[in-house]
């Protein structure tokens, strides 16, 4: 499991990629990944392309991020979900809180 973060060259898109398991072991690194996101970044993308597993602590981390960033970003987009991950997000009604594809 690993986590990578990147800011687009124009500074308008901040991406966090999660590889492997998105679980309690990533709490500190996930929190520190978005800690520096300021008001200049209009959109945050959580890329789950290589995420194989997600548990309830990952859902909590996403909610905490949304609460922490608040209105400082224009949106948080959860992208590239595998079918089983997307199903977890939909069952948890995260499609009402986040843009998901």
PDB file of N, CA and C in Angstrom:
ATOM      1  N   UNK A   1       0.843  -1.175   0.000  1.00  0.00           N
ATOM      2  CA  UNK A   1       0.000   0.000   0.000  1.00  0.00           C
ATOM      3  C   UNK A   1       0.882   1.229   0.000  1.00  0.00           C
ATOM      4  N   UNK A   2       0.497   2.189  -0.797  1.00  0.00           N
ATOM      5  CA  UNK A   2       1.251   3.439  -0.836  1.00  0.00           C
ATOM      6  C   UNK A   2       0.333   4.582  -1.235  1.00  0.00           C
ATOM      7  N   UNK A   3       0.844   5.774  -1.010  1.00  0.00           N
ATOM      8  CA  UNK A   3       0.084   6.966  -1.299  1.00  0.00           C
ATOM      9  C   UNK A   3       1.022   7.963  -1.973  1.00  0.00           C
ATOM     10  N   UNK A   4       0.569   8.526  -3.081  1.00  0.00           N
ATOM     11  CA  UNK A   4       1.331   9.554  -3.785  1.00  0.00           C
ATOM     12  C   UNK A   4       0.444  10.778  -3.935  1.00  0.00           C
ATOM     13  N   UNK A   5       1.068  11.944  -3.888  1.00  0.00           N
ATOM     14  CA  UNK A   5       0.318  13.179  -4.085  1.00  0.00           C
ATOM     15  C   UNK A   5       1.038  14.024  -5.115  1.00  0.00           C
ATOM     16  N   UNK A   6       0.263  14.822  -5.841  1.00  0.00           N
ATOM     17  CA  UNK A   6       0.844  15.675  -6.876  1.00  0.00           C
ATOM     18  C   UNK A   6      -0.034  16.900  -7.082  1.00  0.00           C
ATOM     19  N   UNK A   7       0.622  18.006  -7.356  1.00  0.00           N
ATOM     20  CA  UNK A   7      -0.061  19.246  -7.688  1.00  0.00           C
ATOM     21  C   UNK A   7       0.184  19.523  -9.160  1.00  0.00           C
ATOM     22  N   UNK A   8      -0.879  19.835  -9.899  1.00  0.00           N
ATOM     23  CA  UNK A   8      -0.726  20.102 -11.331  1.00  0.00           C
ATOM     24  C   UNK A   8       0.156  21.341 -11.522  1.00  0.00           C
ATOM     25  N   UNK A   9       0.810  21.435 -12.686  1.00  0.00           N
ATOM     26  CA  UNK A   9       1.701  22.577 -12.944  1.00  0.00           C
ATOM     27  C   UNK A   9       1.015  23.938 -12.792  1.00  0.00           C
ATOM     28  N   UNK A  10      -0.275  24.011 -13.114  1.00  0.00           N
ATOM     29  CA  UNK A  10      -0.977  25.288 -12.979  1.00  0.00           C
ATOM     30  C   UNK A  10      -1.510  25.519 -11.555  1.00  0.00           C
ATOM     31  N   UNK A  11      -1.331  24.515 -10.674  1.00  0.00           N
ATOM     32  CA  UNK A  11      -1.735  24.661  -9.283  1.00  0.00           C
ATOM     33  C   UNK A  11      -3.225  24.569  -9.025  1.00  0.00           C
ATOM     34  N   UNK A  12      -3.978  24.103 -10.002  1.00  0.00           N
ATOM     35  CA  UNK A  12      -5.438  24.077  -9.859  1.00  0.00           C
ATOM     36  C   UNK A  12      -6.005  22.697  -9.536  1.00  0.00           C
ATOM     37  N   UNK A  13      -5.161  21.674  -9.577  1.00  0.00           N
ATOM     38  CA  UNK A  13      -5.625  20.312  -9.359  1.00  0.00           C
ATOM     39  C   UNK A  13      -4.644  19.586  -8.455  1.00  0.00           C
ATOM     40  N   UNK A  14      -5.152  19.075  -7.344  1.00  0.00           N
ATOM     41  CA  UNK A  14      -4.330  18.327  -6.395  1.00  0.00           C
ATOM     42  C   UNK A  14      -4.816  16.883  -6.416  1.00  0.00           C
ATOM     43  N   UNK A  15      -3.905  15.949  -6.670  1.00  0.00           N
ATOM     44  CA  UNK A  15      -4.281  14.544  -6.794  1.00  0.00           C
ATOM     45  C   UNK A  15      -3.603  13.710  -5.719  1.00  0.00           C
ATOM     46  N   UNK A  16      -4.384  12.825  -5.103  1.00  0.00           N
ATOM     47  CA  UNK A  16      -3.859  11.831  -4.175  1.00  0.00           C
ATOM     48  C   UNK A  16      -4.175  10.467  -4.777  1.00  0.00           C
ATOM     49  N   UNK A  17      -3.135   9.679  -5.032  1.00  0.00           N
ATOM     50  CA  UNK A  17      -3.303   8.318  -5.569  1.00  0.00           C
ATOM     51  C   UNK A  17      -3.066   7.323  -4.448  1.00  0.00           C
ATOM     52  N   UNK A  18      -3.966   6.347  -4.344  1.00  0.00           N
ATOM     53  CA  UNK A  18      -3.826   5.315  -3.327  1.00  0.00           C
ATOM     54  C   UNK A  18      -3.679   3.973  -4.019  1.00  0.00           C
ATOM     55  N   UNK A  19      -2.585   3.284  -3.683  1.00  0.00           N
ATOM     56  CA  UNK A  19      -2.306   1.987  -4.291  1.00  0.00           C
ATOM     57  C   UNK A  19      -2.399   0.896  -3.230  1.00  0.00           C
ATOM     58  N   UNK A  20      -3.040  -0.207  -3.591  1.00  0.00           N
ATOM     59  CA  UNK A  20      -3.173  -1.324  -2.656  1.00  0.00           C
ATOM     60  C   UNK A  20      -4.365  -1.143  -1.754  1.00  0.00           C
ATOM     61  N   UNK A  21      -4.129  -1.249  -0.446  1.00  0.00           N
ATOM     62  CA  UNK A  21      -5.208  -1.162   0.533  1.00  0.00           C
ATOM     63  C   UNK A  21      -5.362   0.256   1.055  1.00  0.00           C
ATOM     64  N   UNK A  22      -6.596   0.724   1.074  1.00  0.00           N
ATOM     65  CA  UNK A  22      -6.941   2.015   1.652  1.00  0.00           C
ATOM     66  C   UNK A  22      -7.590   1.694   2.995  1.00  0.00           C
ATOM     67  N   UNK A  23      -6.783   1.658   4.045  1.00  0.00           N
ATOM     68  CA  UNK A  23      -7.281   1.272   5.353  1.00  0.00           C
ATOM     69  C   UNK A  23      -6.612   2.076   6.456  1.00  0.00           C
ATOM     70  N   UNK A  24      -6.796   1.647   7.692  1.00  0.00           N
ATOM     71  CA  UNK A  24      -6.327   2.382   8.863  1.00  0.00           C
ATOM     72  C   UNK A  24      -4.825   2.685   8.829  1.00  0.00           C
ATOM     73  N   UNK A  25      -4.055   1.852   8.172  1.00  0.00           N
ATOM     74  CA  UNK A  25      -2.605   2.057   8.103  1.00  0.00           C
ATOM     75  C   UNK A  25      -2.216   3.336   7.368  1.00  0.00           C
ATOM     76  N   UNK A  26      -3.137   3.911   6.615  1.00  0.00           N
ATOM     77  CA  UNK A  26      -2.846   5.137   5.855  1.00  0.00           C
ATOM     78  C   UNK A  26      -3.339   6.417   6.536  1.00  0.00           C
ATOM     79  N   UNK A  27      -3.860   6.313   7.748  1.00  0.00           N
ATOM     80  CA  UNK A  27      -4.453   7.483   8.402  1.00  0.00           C
ATOM     81  C   UNK A  27      -3.496   8.667   8.426  1.00  0.00           C
ATOM     82  N   UNK A  28      -2.311   8.493   8.966  1.00  0.00           N
ATOM     83  CA  UNK A  28      -1.376   9.618   9.103  1.00  0.00           C
ATOM     84  C   UNK A  28      -0.910  10.145   7.754  1.00  0.00           C
ATOM     85  N   UNK A  29      -0.537   9.256   6.839  1.00  0.00           N
ATOM     86  CA  UNK A  29      -0.026   9.722   5.550  1.00  0.00           C
ATOM     87  C   UNK A  29      -1.130  10.365   4.719  1.00  0.00           C
ATOM     88  N   UNK A  30      -2.365   9.877   4.827  1.00  0.00           N
ATOM     89  CA  UNK A  30      -3.472  10.495   4.095  1.00  0.00           C
ATOM     90  C   UNK A  30      -3.745  11.897   4.635  1.00  0.00           C
ATOM     91  N   UNK A  31      -3.779  12.013   5.952  1.00  0.00           N
ATOM     92  CA  UNK A  31      -4.032  13.315   6.574  1.00  0.00           C
ATOM     93  C   UNK A  31      -2.942  14.322   6.207  1.00  0.00           C
ATOM     94  N   UNK A  32      -1.695  13.887   6.245  1.00  0.00           N
ATOM     95  CA  UNK A  32      -0.606  14.812   5.910  1.00  0.00           C
ATOM     96  C   UNK A  32      -0.571  15.131   4.421  1.00  0.00           C
ATOM     97  N   UNK A  33      -1.113  14.242   3.594  1.00  0.00           N
ATOM     98  CA  UNK A  33      -1.119  14.483   2.140  1.00  0.00           C
ATOM     99  C   UNK A  33      -1.955  15.702   1.783  1.00  0.00           C
ATOM    100  N   UNK A  34      -3.095  15.882   2.438  1.00  0.00           N
ATOM    101  CA  UNK A  34      -3.958  17.019   2.095  1.00  0.00           C
ATOM    102  C   UNK A  34      -3.802  18.196   3.056  1.00  0.00           C
ATOM    103  N   UNK A  35      -2.943  18.072   4.049  1.00  0.00           N
ATOM    104  CA  UNK A  35      -2.782  19.126   5.057  1.00  0.00           C
ATOM    105  C   UNK A  35      -2.340  20.457   4.455  1.00  0.00           C
ATOM    106  N   UNK A  36      -1.563  20.415   3.388  1.00  0.00           N
ATOM    107  CA  UNK A  36      -1.034  21.645   2.800  1.00  0.00           C
ATOM    108  C   UNK A  36      -1.908  22.223   1.696  1.00  0.00           C
ATOM    109  N   UNK A  37      -3.041  21.594   1.426  1.00  0.00           N
ATOM    110  CA  UNK A  37      -3.910  22.098   0.369  1.00  0.00           C
ATOM    111  C   UNK A  37      -4.509  23.421   0.835  1.00  0.00           C
ATOM    112  N   UNK A  38      -4.262  24.453   0.056  1.00  0.00           N
ATOM    113  CA  UNK A  38      -4.748  25.780   0.430  1.00  0.00           C
ATOM    114  C   UNK A  38      -5.910  26.216  -0.422  1.00  0.00           C
ATOM    115  N   UNK A  39      -6.247  27.461  -0.314  1.00  0.00           N
ATOM    116  CA  UNK A  39      -7.389  27.993  -1.037  1.00  0.00           C
ATOM    117  C   UNK A  39      -7.115  28.148  -2.529  1.00  0.00           C
ATOM    118  N   UNK A  40      -5.853  28.075  -2.934  1.00  0.00           N
ATOM    119  CA  UNK A  40      -5.521  28.231  -4.348  1.00  0.00           C
ATOM    120  C   UNK A  40      -5.794  27.001  -5.186  1.00  0.00           C
ATOM    121  N   UNK A  41      -6.135  25.889  -4.551  1.00  0.00           N
ATOM    122  CA  UNK A  41      -6.388  24.646  -5.277  1.00  0.00           C
ATOM    123  C   UNK A  41      -7.892  24.430  -5.375  1.00  0.00           C
ATOM    124  N   UNK A  42      -8.469  24.641  -6.560  1.00  0.00           N
ATOM    125  CA  UNK A  42      -9.915  24.531  -6.664  1.00  0.00           C
ATOM    126  C   UNK A  42     -10.456  23.102  -6.625  1.00  0.00           C
ATOM    127  N   UNK A  43      -9.654  22.112  -7.015  1.00  0.00           N
ATOM    128  CA  UNK A  43     -10.205  20.765  -7.093  1.00  0.00           C
ATOM    129  C   UNK A  43      -9.218  19.730  -6.561  1.00  0.00           C
ATOM    130  N   UNK A  44      -9.752  18.789  -5.789  1.00  0.00           N
ATOM    131  CA  UNK A  44      -8.960  17.682  -5.251  1.00  0.00           C
ATOM    132  C   UNK A  44      -9.478  16.396  -5.874  1.00  0.00           C
ATOM    133  N   UNK A  45      -8.553  15.569  -6.347  1.00  0.00           N
ATOM    134  CA  UNK A  45      -8.914  14.272  -6.938  1.00  0.00           C
ATOM    135  C   UNK A  45      -8.318  13.164  -6.074  1.00  0.00           C
ATOM    136  N   UNK A  46      -9.148  12.222  -5.683  1.00  0.00           N
ATOM    137  CA  UNK A  46      -8.682  11.021  -5.002  1.00  0.00           C
ATOM    138  C   UNK A  46      -8.729   9.920  -6.052  1.00  0.00           C
ATOM    139  N   UNK A  47      -7.556   9.503  -6.523  1.00  0.00           N
ATOM    140  CA  UNK A  47      -7.469   8.506  -7.600  1.00  0.00           C
ATOM    141  C   UNK A  47      -7.361   7.114  -6.988  1.00  0.00           C
ATOM    142  N   UNK A  48      -8.392   6.303  -7.199  1.00  0.00           N
ATOM    143  CA  UNK A  48      -8.442   4.955  -6.646  1.00  0.00           C
ATOM    144  C   UNK A  48      -8.224   3.887  -7.715  1.00  0.00           C
ATOM    145  N   UNK A  49      -7.577   4.258  -8.806  1.00  0.00           N
ATOM    146  CA  UNK A  49      -7.317   3.344  -9.919  1.00  0.00           C
ATOM    147  C   UNK A  49      -6.635   2.053  -9.454  1.00  0.00           C
ATOM    148  N   UNK A  50      -5.681   2.183  -8.538  1.00  0.00           N
ATOM    149  CA  UNK A  50      -4.917   1.009  -8.095  1.00  0.00           C
ATOM    150  C   UNK A  50      -5.259   0.589  -6.668  1.00  0.00           C
ATOM    151  N   UNK A  51      -6.439   1.011  -6.195  1.00  0.00           N
ATOM    152  CA  UNK A  51      -6.890   0.632  -4.862  1.00  0.00           C
ATOM    153  C   UNK A  51      -7.634  -0.693  -4.962  1.00  0.00           C
ATOM    154  N   UNK A  52      -7.144  -1.679  -4.216  1.00  0.00           N
ATOM    155  CA  UNK A  52      -7.722  -3.023  -4.274  1.00  0.00           C
ATOM    156  C   UNK A  52      -8.728  -3.273  -3.160  1.00  0.00           C
ATOM    157  N   UNK A  53      -8.615  -2.493  -2.088  1.00  0.00           N
ATOM    158  CA  UNK A  53      -9.422  -2.753  -0.892  1.00  0.00           C
ATOM    159  C   UNK A  53      -9.665  -1.442  -0.167  1.00  0.00           C
ATOM    160  N   UNK A  54     -10.854  -1.303   0.385  1.00  0.00           N
ATOM    161  CA  UNK A  54     -11.196  -0.113   1.160  1.00  0.00           C
ATOM    162  C   UNK A  54     -12.056  -0.556   2.331  1.00  0.00           C
ATOM    163  N   UNK A  55     -11.738  -0.049   3.529  1.00  0.00           N
ATOM    164  CA  UNK A  55     -12.557  -0.401   4.686  1.00  0.00           C
ATOM    165  C   UNK A  55     -13.226   0.843   5.270  1.00  0.00           C
ATOM    166  N   UNK A  56     -13.900   0.667   6.394  1.00  0.00           N
ATOM    167  CA  UNK A  56     -14.657   1.779   6.982  1.00  0.00           C
ATOM    168  C   UNK A  56     -13.754   2.916   7.446  1.00  0.00           C
ATOM    169  N   UNK A  57     -12.523   2.619   7.817  1.00  0.00           N
ATOM    170  CA  UNK A  57     -11.627   3.705   8.227  1.00  0.00           C
ATOM    171  C   UNK A  57     -11.296   4.601   7.036  1.00  0.00           C
ATOM    172  N   UNK A  58     -11.245   4.041   5.838  1.00  0.00           N
ATOM    173  CA  UNK A  58     -11.015   4.847   4.632  1.00  0.00           C
ATOM    174  C   UNK A  58     -12.192   5.784   4.397  1.00  0.00           C
ATOM    175  N   UNK A  59     -13.392   5.306   4.642  1.00  0.00           N
ATOM    176  CA  UNK A  59     -14.573   6.156   4.503  1.00  0.00           C
ATOM    177  C   UNK A  59     -14.494   7.315   5.497  1.00  0.00           C
ATOM    178  N   UNK A  60     -14.073   7.007   6.711  1.00  0.00           N
ATOM    179  CA  UNK A  60     -13.909   8.040   7.719  1.00  0.00           C
ATOM    180  C   UNK A  60     -12.845   9.056   7.326  1.00  0.00           C
ATOM    181  N   UNK A  61     -11.763   8.591   6.733  1.00  0.00           N
ATOM    182  CA  UNK A  61     -10.696   9.502   6.290  1.00  0.00           C
ATOM    183  C   UNK A  61     -11.201  10.447   5.209  1.00  0.00           C
ATOM    184  N   UNK A  62     -12.015   9.935   4.292  1.00  0.00           N
ATOM    185  CA  UNK A  62     -12.576  10.783   3.242  1.00  0.00           C
ATOM    186  C   UNK A  62     -13.502  11.850   3.838  1.00  0.00           C
ATOM    187  N   UNK A  63     -14.319  11.452   4.809  1.00  0.00           N
ATOM    188  CA  UNK A  63     -15.220  12.414   5.447  1.00  0.00           C
ATOM    189  C   UNK A  63     -14.440  13.469   6.224  1.00  0.00           C
ATOM    190  N   UNK A  64     -13.394  13.042   6.923  1.00  0.00           N
ATOM    191  CA  UNK A  64     -12.565  13.995   7.666  1.00  0.00           C
ATOM    192  C   UNK A  64     -11.881  14.977   6.726  1.00  0.00           C
ATOM    193  N   UNK A  65     -11.432  14.485   5.564  1.00  0.00           N
ATOM    194  CA  UNK A  65     -10.803  15.365   4.586  1.00  0.00           C
ATOM    195  C   UNK A  65     -11.813  16.402   4.102  1.00  0.00           C
ATOM    196  N   UNK A  66     -13.015  15.946   3.794  1.00  0.00           N
ATOM    197  CA  UNK A  66     -14.046  16.877   3.312  1.00  0.00           C
ATOM    198  C   UNK A  66     -14.345  17.928   4.373  1.00  0.00           C
ATOM    199  N   UNK A  67     -14.434  17.512   5.619  1.00  0.00           N
ATOM    200  CA  UNK A  67     -14.713  18.437   6.713  1.00  0.00           C
ATOM    201  C   UNK A  67     -13.540  19.408   6.899  1.00  0.00           C
ATOM    202  N   UNK A  68     -12.343  18.897   6.827  1.00  0.00           N
ATOM    203  CA  UNK A  68     -11.151  19.711   7.031  1.00  0.00           C
ATOM    204  C   UNK A  68     -10.960  20.749   5.927  1.00  0.00           C
ATOM    205  N   UNK A  69     -11.160  20.332   4.683  1.00  0.00           N
ATOM    206  CA  UNK A  69     -10.961  21.246   3.558  1.00  0.00           C
ATOM    207  C   UNK A  69     -12.131  22.209   3.407  1.00  0.00           C
ATOM    208  N   UNK A  70     -13.307  21.765   3.775  1.00  0.00           N
ATOM    209  CA  UNK A  70     -14.485  22.629   3.745  1.00  0.00           C
ATOM    210  C   UNK A  70     -14.659  23.364   2.438  1.00  0.00           C
ATOM    211  N   UNK A  71     -14.822  24.664   2.530  1.00  0.00           N
ATOM    212  CA  UNK A  71     -15.043  25.483   1.345  1.00  0.00           C
ATOM    213  C   UNK A  71     -13.752  26.005   0.734  1.00  0.00           C
ATOM    214  N   UNK A  72     -12.610  25.526   1.243  1.00  0.00           N
ATOM    215  CA  UNK A  72     -11.341  26.013   0.686  1.00  0.00           C
ATOM    216  C   UNK A  72     -11.072  25.428  -0.695  1.00  0.00           C
ATOM    217  N   UNK A  73     -11.792  24.371  -1.066  1.00  0.00           N
ATOM    218  CA  UNK A  73     -11.683  23.800  -2.415  1.00  0.00           C
ATOM    219  C   UNK A  73     -13.075  23.780  -3.040  1.00  0.00           C
ATOM    220  N   UNK A  74     -13.113  23.817  -4.363  1.00  0.00           N
ATOM    221  CA  UNK A  74     -14.412  23.844  -5.024  1.00  0.00           C
ATOM    222  C   UNK A  74     -15.043  22.462  -5.111  1.00  0.00           C
ATOM    223  N   UNK A  75     -14.235  21.427  -5.009  1.00  0.00           N
ATOM    224  CA  UNK A  75     -14.795  20.092  -5.085  1.00  0.00           C
ATOM    225  C   UNK A  75     -13.778  19.015  -4.800  1.00  0.00           C
ATOM    226  N   UNK A  76     -14.306  17.860  -4.386  1.00  0.00           N
ATOM    227  CA  UNK A  76     -13.483  16.670  -4.179  1.00  0.00           C
ATOM    228  C   UNK A  76     -14.078  15.592  -5.065  1.00  0.00           C
ATOM    229  N   UNK A  77     -13.244  15.039  -5.919  1.00  0.00           N
ATOM    230  CA  UNK A  77     -13.686  14.053  -6.898  1.00  0.00           C
ATOM    231  C   UNK A  77     -12.987  12.731  -6.607  1.00  0.00           C
ATOM    232  N   UNK A  78     -13.752  11.659  -6.478  1.00  0.00           N
ATOM    233  CA  UNK A  78     -13.184  10.322  -6.303  1.00  0.00           C
ATOM    234  C   UNK A  78     -13.224   9.663  -7.672  1.00  0.00           C
ATOM    235  N   UNK A  79     -12.042   9.366  -8.207  1.00  0.00           N
ATOM    236  CA  UNK A  79     -11.935   8.939  -9.605  1.00  0.00           C
ATOM    237  C   UNK A  79     -11.384   7.522  -9.757  1.00  0.00           C
ATOM    238  N   UNK A  80     -11.731   6.937 -10.891  1.00  0.00           N
ATOM    239  CA  UNK A  80     -11.182   5.659 -11.343  1.00  0.00           C
ATOM    240  C   UNK A  80     -11.414   4.514 -10.366  1.00  0.00           C
ATOM    241  N   UNK A  81     -12.614   4.435  -9.819  1.00  0.00           N
ATOM    242  CA  UNK A  81     -12.946   3.380  -8.858  1.00  0.00           C
ATOM    243  C   UNK A  81     -13.146   2.042  -9.563  1.00  0.00           C
ATOM    244  N   UNK A  82     -12.621   1.007  -8.967  1.00  0.00           N
ATOM    245  CA  UNK A  82     -12.945  -0.344  -9.415  1.00  0.00           C
ATOM    246  C   UNK A  82     -14.400  -0.623  -8.997  1.00  0.00           C
ATOM    247  N   UNK A  83     -15.057  -1.558  -9.687  1.00  0.00           N
ATOM    248  CA  UNK A  83     -16.487  -1.794  -9.387  1.00  0.00           C
ATOM    249  C   UNK A  83     -16.774  -2.086  -7.911  1.00  0.00           C
ATOM    250  N   UNK A  84     -15.946  -2.896  -7.246  1.00  0.00           N
ATOM    251  CA  UNK A  84     -16.221  -3.234  -5.844  1.00  0.00           C
ATOM    252  C   UNK A  84     -16.028  -2.020  -4.929  1.00  0.00           C
ATOM    253  N   UNK A  85     -15.089  -1.142  -5.261  1.00  0.00           N
ATOM    254  CA  UNK A  85     -14.873   0.079  -4.473  1.00  0.00           C
ATOM    255  C   UNK A  85     -16.040   1.045  -4.694  1.00  0.00           C
ATOM    256  N   UNK A  86     -16.462   1.174  -5.934  1.00  0.00           N
ATOM    257  CA  UNK A  86     -17.581   2.065  -6.248  1.00  0.00           C
ATOM    258  C   UNK A  86     -18.845   1.601  -5.524  1.00  0.00           C
ATOM    259  N   UNK A  87     -19.030   0.299  -5.436  1.00  0.00           N
ATOM    260  CA  UNK A  87     -20.206  -0.240  -4.753  1.00  0.00           C
ATOM    261  C   UNK A  87     -20.181   0.110  -3.267  1.00  0.00           C
ATOM    262  N   UNK A  88     -19.019   0.002  -2.636  1.00  0.00           N
ATOM    263  CA  UNK A  88     -18.879   0.373  -1.225  1.00  0.00           C
ATOM    264  C   UNK A  88     -19.253   1.842  -1.039  1.00  0.00           C
ATOM    265  N   UNK A  89     -18.744   2.695  -1.935  1.00  0.00           N
ATOM    266  CA  UNK A  89     -19.024   4.128  -1.841  1.00  0.00           C
ATOM    267  C   UNK A  89     -20.508   4.424  -2.036  1.00  0.00           C
ATOM    268  N   UNK A  90     -21.150   3.717  -2.965  1.00  0.00           N
ATOM    269  CA  UNK A  90     -22.570   3.944  -3.220  1.00  0.00           C
ATOM    270  C   UNK A  90     -23.440   3.441  -2.063  1.00  0.00           C
ATOM    271  N   UNK A  91     -23.101   2.273  -1.533  1.00  0.00           N
ATOM    272  CA  UNK A  91     -23.857   1.727  -0.403  1.00  0.00           C
ATOM    273  C   UNK A  91     -23.757   2.669   0.797  1.00  0.00           C
ATOM    274  N   UNK A  92     -22.588   3.280   0.955  1.00  0.00           N
ATOM    275  CA  UNK A  92     -22.362   4.217   2.062  1.00  0.00           C
ATOM    276  C   UNK A  92     -22.897   5.616   1.763  1.00  0.00           C
ATOM    277  N   UNK A  93     -23.488   5.771   0.590  1.00  0.00           N
ATOM    278  CA  UNK A  93     -24.102   7.027   0.132  1.00  0.00           C
ATOM    279  C   UNK A  93     -23.095   8.160  -0.039  1.00  0.00           C
ATOM    280  N   UNK A  94     -21.872   7.788  -0.355  1.00  0.00           N
ATOM    281  CA  UNK A  94     -20.843   8.798  -0.594  1.00  0.00           C
ATOM    282  C   UNK A  94     -21.069   9.514  -1.918  1.00  0.00           C
ATOM    283  N   UNK A  95     -21.894   8.924  -2.777  1.00  0.00           N
ATOM    284  CA  UNK A  95     -22.211   9.597  -4.041  1.00  0.00           C
ATOM    285  C   UNK A  95     -23.041  10.856  -3.805  1.00  0.00           C
ATOM    286  N   UNK A  96     -23.569  11.024  -2.590  1.00  0.00           N
ATOM    287  CA  UNK A  96     -24.311  12.236  -2.238  1.00  0.00           C
ATOM    288  C   UNK A  96     -23.371  13.341  -1.737  1.00  0.00           C
ATOM    289  N   UNK A  97     -22.175  12.947  -1.292  1.00  0.00           N
ATOM    290  CA  UNK A  97     -21.220  13.898  -0.717  1.00  0.00           C
ATOM    291  C   UNK A  97     -20.052  14.224  -1.640  1.00  0.00           C
ATOM    292  N   UNK A  98     -19.736  13.316  -2.554  1.00  0.00           N
ATOM    293  CA  UNK A  98     -18.588  13.444  -3.442  1.00  0.00           C
ATOM    294  C   UNK A  98     -19.005  13.175  -4.885  1.00  0.00           C
ATOM    295  N   UNK A  99     -18.231  13.727  -5.830  1.00  0.00           N
ATOM    296  CA  UNK A  99     -18.368  13.321  -7.225  1.00  0.00           C
ATOM    297  C   UNK A  99     -17.585  12.028  -7.377  1.00  0.00           C
ATOM    298  N   UNK A 100     -18.225  10.992  -7.895  1.00  0.00           N
ATOM    299  CA  UNK A 100     -17.569   9.685  -8.026  1.00  0.00           C
ATOM    300  C   UNK A 100     -17.694   9.189  -9.445  1.00  0.00           C
ATOM    301  N   UNK A 101     -16.585   8.659  -9.979  1.00  0.00           N
ATOM    302  CA  UNK A 101     -16.650   7.958 -11.265  1.00  0.00           C
ATOM    303  C   UNK A 101     -15.802   6.718 -11.234  1.00  0.00           C
TER     304      UNK A 101
END
